[in-house]
Protein backbone atom coordinates (compact mmCIF):
# COMPACT_ATOMS: atom_id res chain seq x y z
CA UNK A 1 95.64 132.97 111.00
CA UNK A 2 99.01 133.77 109.47
CA UNK A 3 102.28 132.03 110.44
CA UNK A 4 105.41 134.08 110.99
CA UNK A 5 107.41 132.15 108.36
CA UNK A 6 106.78 130.26 105.14
CA UNK A 7 105.73 126.72 106.03
CA UNK A 8 105.07 124.81 102.83
CA UNK A 9 101.82 123.02 102.04
CA UNK A 10 101.87 120.21 104.63
CA UNK A 11 102.99 122.34 107.56
CA UNK A 12 100.56 125.11 106.59
CA UNK A 13 97.64 122.68 106.59
CA UNK A 14 98.74 121.32 109.95
CA UNK A 15 99.01 124.90 111.22
CA UNK A 16 95.43 125.57 110.14
CA UNK A 17 94.18 122.34 111.70
CA UNK A 18 95.71 123.27 115.06
CA UNK A 19 93.62 126.46 115.08
CA UNK A 20 90.40 124.85 113.85
CA UNK A 21 87.70 123.85 116.34
CA UNK A 22 85.30 121.68 114.37
CA UNK A 23 84.85 117.92 114.42
CA UNK A 24 85.43 117.84 110.65
CA UNK A 25 88.39 119.51 108.94
CA UNK A 26 88.10 120.76 105.37
CA UNK A 27 91.37 121.54 103.57
CA UNK A 28 90.56 123.90 100.73
CA UNK A 29 92.77 125.84 98.34
CA UNK A 30 92.00 129.53 98.07
CA UNK A 31 91.32 129.49 94.32
CA UNK A 32 88.17 127.35 94.19
CA UNK A 33 84.45 127.83 93.63
CA UNK A 34 81.98 125.63 95.48
CA UNK A 35 78.30 125.01 94.69
CA UNK A 36 75.46 125.64 97.16
CA UNK A 37 74.96 122.76 99.55
CA UNK A 38 78.45 121.33 99.02
CA UNK A 39 79.04 120.46 102.67
CA UNK A 40 76.15 118.12 103.43
CA UNK A 41 77.09 115.27 101.06
CA UNK A 42 80.70 115.33 102.26
CA UNK A 43 79.66 115.34 105.91
CA UNK A 44 77.23 112.49 105.23
CA UNK A 45 79.97 110.43 103.60
CA UNK A 46 82.17 110.90 106.66
CA UNK A 47 79.57 109.38 109.01
CA UNK A 48 80.81 105.97 107.88
CA UNK A 49 83.70 105.09 110.25
CA UNK A 50 85.50 103.31 107.39
CA UNK A 51 85.79 106.58 105.46
CA UNK A 52 89.04 108.25 106.41
CA UNK A 53 88.76 111.24 104.09
CA UNK A 54 86.57 112.32 101.18
CA UNK A 55 86.82 114.66 98.21
CA UNK A 56 84.34 116.06 95.67
CA UNK A 57 84.70 115.80 91.93
CA UNK A 58 87.10 118.44 90.59
CA UNK A 59 86.86 120.49 87.41
CA UNK A 60 89.09 123.27 86.07
CA UNK A 61 87.79 126.70 87.00
CA UNK A 62 88.73 128.55 83.79
CA UNK A 63 88.54 125.67 81.33
CA UNK A 64 86.37 125.81 78.24
CA UNK A 65 85.38 122.16 78.65
CA UNK A 66 83.61 120.50 81.55
CA UNK A 67 86.13 117.74 82.27
CA UNK A 68 85.95 116.28 85.75
CA UNK A 69 88.38 114.34 87.90
CA UNK A 70 86.98 111.76 90.31
CA UNK A 71 90.01 110.96 92.42
CA UNK A 72 93.59 110.19 91.38
CA UNK A 73 95.76 107.11 90.90
CA UNK A 74 99.48 106.43 90.63
CA UNK A 75 100.35 106.05 86.95
CA UNK A 76 103.97 104.84 87.01
CA UNK A 77 106.84 103.66 89.20
CA UNK A 78 108.06 107.23 89.87
CA UNK A 79 104.75 108.02 91.60
CA UNK A 80 103.40 110.10 88.77
CA UNK A 81 99.63 110.46 88.86
CA UNK A 82 96.58 110.82 86.64
CA UNK A 83 92.95 111.75 87.17
CA UNK A 84 90.27 109.09 87.28
CA UNK A 85 86.93 109.10 85.40
CA UNK A 86 83.57 108.59 87.05
CA UNK A 87 83.15 104.89 87.86
CA UNK A 88 80.36 104.72 90.44
CA UNK A 89 77.40 106.33 92.17
CA UNK A 90 77.41 107.72 95.65
CA UNK A 91 80.63 107.87 97.68
CA UNK A 92 83.06 105.17 96.50
CA UNK A 93 86.73 104.30 97.13
CA UNK A 94 89.54 105.83 95.06
CA UNK A 95 93.31 105.27 95.33
CA UNK A 96 94.27 108.88 96.06
CA UNK A 97 92.62 112.17 96.96
CA UNK A 98 93.39 115.62 95.60
CA UNK A 99 94.52 117.97 98.34
CA UNK A 100 92.95 121.03 96.70
CA UNK A 101 89.71 120.12 98.47
CA UNK A 102 89.27 117.27 100.96
CA UNK A 103 87.50 116.67 104.24
CA UNK A 104 88.21 114.35 107.14
CA UNK A 105 87.09 113.82 110.70
CA UNK A 106 89.36 115.44 113.25
CA UNK A 107 89.78 112.12 115.08
CA UNK A 108 91.17 110.51 111.91
CA UNK A 109 93.47 113.46 111.28
CA UNK A 110 94.81 113.16 114.82
CA UNK A 111 95.15 109.39 114.55
CA UNK A 112 97.43 109.83 111.55
CA UNK A 113 99.27 112.80 113.01
CA UNK A 114 98.06 115.03 110.18
CA UNK A 115 99.97 115.72 107.00
CA UNK A 116 103.59 114.59 107.05
CA UNK A 117 105.36 117.62 108.58
CA UNK A 118 108.59 116.56 106.89
CA UNK A 119 107.25 117.28 103.41
CA UNK A 120 109.00 120.28 101.85
CA UNK A 121 107.29 123.26 100.18
CA UNK A 122 105.04 121.55 97.60
CA UNK A 123 104.32 118.21 95.98
CA UNK A 124 102.66 114.88 96.79
CA UNK A 125 101.60 115.81 100.33
CA UNK A 126 98.00 114.86 99.50
CA UNK A 127 99.16 111.58 97.94
CA UNK A 128 101.20 110.74 101.04
CA UNK A 129 98.17 111.40 103.25
CA UNK A 130 95.96 109.24 101.02
CA UNK A 131 98.42 106.34 101.01
CA UNK A 132 98.87 106.68 104.77
CA UNK A 133 95.09 106.50 105.24
CA UNK A 134 94.78 103.31 103.19
CA UNK A 135 97.68 101.59 104.93
CA UNK A 136 96.21 102.45 108.32
CA UNK A 137 92.94 100.77 107.38
CA UNK A 138 90.85 103.78 106.33
CA UNK A 139 89.32 104.35 102.91
CA UNK A 140 89.68 107.40 100.66
CA UNK A 141 86.41 108.14 98.87
CA UNK A 142 85.14 110.49 96.20
CA UNK A 143 81.67 112.02 96.52
CA UNK A 144 80.60 112.55 92.87
CA UNK A 145 77.42 114.33 93.90
CA UNK A 146 79.50 117.45 94.56
CA UNK A 147 81.73 119.17 92.00
CA UNK A 148 84.01 122.08 92.89
CA UNK A 149 85.94 124.21 90.41
CA UNK A 150 89.68 124.70 90.96
CA UNK A 151 92.05 127.07 89.18
CA UNK A 152 95.09 125.11 88.02
CA UNK A 153 97.97 127.55 87.51
CA UNK A 154 100.43 126.76 84.67
CA UNK A 155 103.37 127.90 86.81
CA UNK A 156 104.33 128.34 90.46
CA UNK A 157 104.12 131.75 92.07
CA UNK A 158 106.81 130.81 94.58
CA UNK A 159 110.18 129.07 94.16
CA UNK A 160 110.03 125.28 93.78
CA UNK A 161 113.21 123.36 92.96
CA UNK A 162 114.23 119.95 94.34
CA UNK A 163 111.39 119.75 96.85
CA UNK A 164 108.79 117.82 94.78
CA UNK A 165 111.35 115.07 94.10
CA UNK A 166 112.34 115.07 97.77
CA UNK A 167 108.70 114.49 98.66
CA UNK A 168 108.40 111.57 96.21
CA UNK A 169 111.51 109.97 97.68
CA UNK A 170 110.17 110.51 101.18
CA UNK A 171 107.00 108.62 100.28
CA UNK A 172 109.15 105.85 98.82
CA UNK A 173 111.31 105.43 101.92
CA UNK A 174 108.39 105.59 104.37
CA UNK A 175 105.70 103.62 102.59
CA UNK A 176 107.18 101.44 99.84
CA UNK A 177 108.92 98.10 100.03
CA UNK A 178 112.43 97.60 98.70
CA UNK A 179 111.49 96.50 95.18
CA UNK A 180 109.14 99.41 94.49
CA UNK A 181 111.55 101.89 96.04
CA UNK A 182 114.38 100.70 93.78
CA UNK A 183 112.08 101.12 90.77
CA UNK A 184 111.33 104.66 91.92
CA UNK A 185 115.04 105.45 92.20
CA UNK A 186 115.75 103.95 88.78
CA UNK A 187 113.00 106.06 87.25
CA UNK A 188 114.40 109.34 88.57
CA UNK A 189 118.11 108.50 88.23
CA UNK A 190 118.66 111.12 85.53
CA UNK A 191 116.66 113.89 87.21
CA UNK A 192 119.09 116.75 87.94
CA UNK A 193 117.59 117.39 91.39
CA UNK A 194 118.22 113.83 92.62
CA UNK A 195 121.54 114.43 94.39
CA UNK A 196 120.35 117.41 96.42
CA UNK A 197 116.97 115.86 97.14
CA UNK A 198 118.57 112.65 98.44
CA UNK A 199 121.13 114.59 100.49
CA UNK A 200 118.35 116.53 102.18
CA UNK A 201 116.31 113.38 102.75
CA UNK A 202 119.18 111.40 104.26
CA UNK A 203 119.76 114.10 106.89
CA UNK A 204 116.07 114.43 107.78
CA UNK A 205 113.89 112.50 110.24
CA UNK A 206 113.05 109.97 107.53
CA UNK A 207 114.25 106.81 109.26
CA UNK A 208 112.40 107.57 112.50
CA UNK A 209 109.21 108.33 110.57
CA UNK A 210 109.59 105.15 108.53
CA UNK A 211 109.75 103.09 111.72
CA UNK A 212 106.84 104.93 113.32
CA UNK A 213 104.56 104.52 110.31
CA UNK A 214 105.38 100.87 109.72
CA UNK A 215 104.69 99.91 113.31
CA UNK A 216 101.24 101.54 113.19
CA UNK A 217 99.95 100.47 109.78
CA UNK A 218 97.49 97.66 109.08
CA UNK A 219 98.59 96.93 105.49
CA UNK A 220 101.72 97.26 103.36
CA UNK A 221 102.34 98.57 99.85
CA UNK A 222 101.89 95.10 98.31
CA UNK A 223 98.31 95.08 99.60
CA UNK A 224 97.69 98.59 98.28
CA UNK A 225 99.05 97.99 94.79
CA UNK A 226 97.16 94.71 94.47
CA UNK A 227 94.00 96.69 95.11
CA UNK A 228 95.01 99.62 92.90
CA UNK A 229 97.32 98.25 90.21
CA UNK A 230 99.31 100.74 88.14
């Protein structure tokens, strides 16, 4: 399926999900290699109703080493991230999932409303989905039994400007309390894209989405960051 216009990552994934017919949705970047039998462990992990979405371990496709990432966590107040090492056996909870390869039951996807359609072009859409899952009462889990290889490009092959910062700010407005949001703003105050990103955000649907999400969630950001401290 090919859309008639450029959609950006979140909207493109939602576009694909609308055309899919299975009970489980797998969101997979094009530039990955998967091992034989990759699907069964992920499907098995999703039989637990508490599991909202799962991901395999990730390694770099063209790297000389065999480094793996087992989920992601926020690393600072500006919502920067870092990979996590292996810390358990079998499927286990992690703060954030990598969107390059993740699976979720269709019913959970529909419960959340999919990826945030207001995200622009690229950046943090997988982190927003992960945080949304946790705050709605689902768990994000890594399945270390499966490792897929992903090609990480050193540069974008399409124009990306203020959009990644816009997406960080959107997460802040929707999901974070006042104190953490102010720390986010302080941390990006000298970023040259801030003015345009904030202008675009202020004229978006952000306030309606904030209200919608907060009315539906089971937990707040204080609960999340007590569980997964930076």
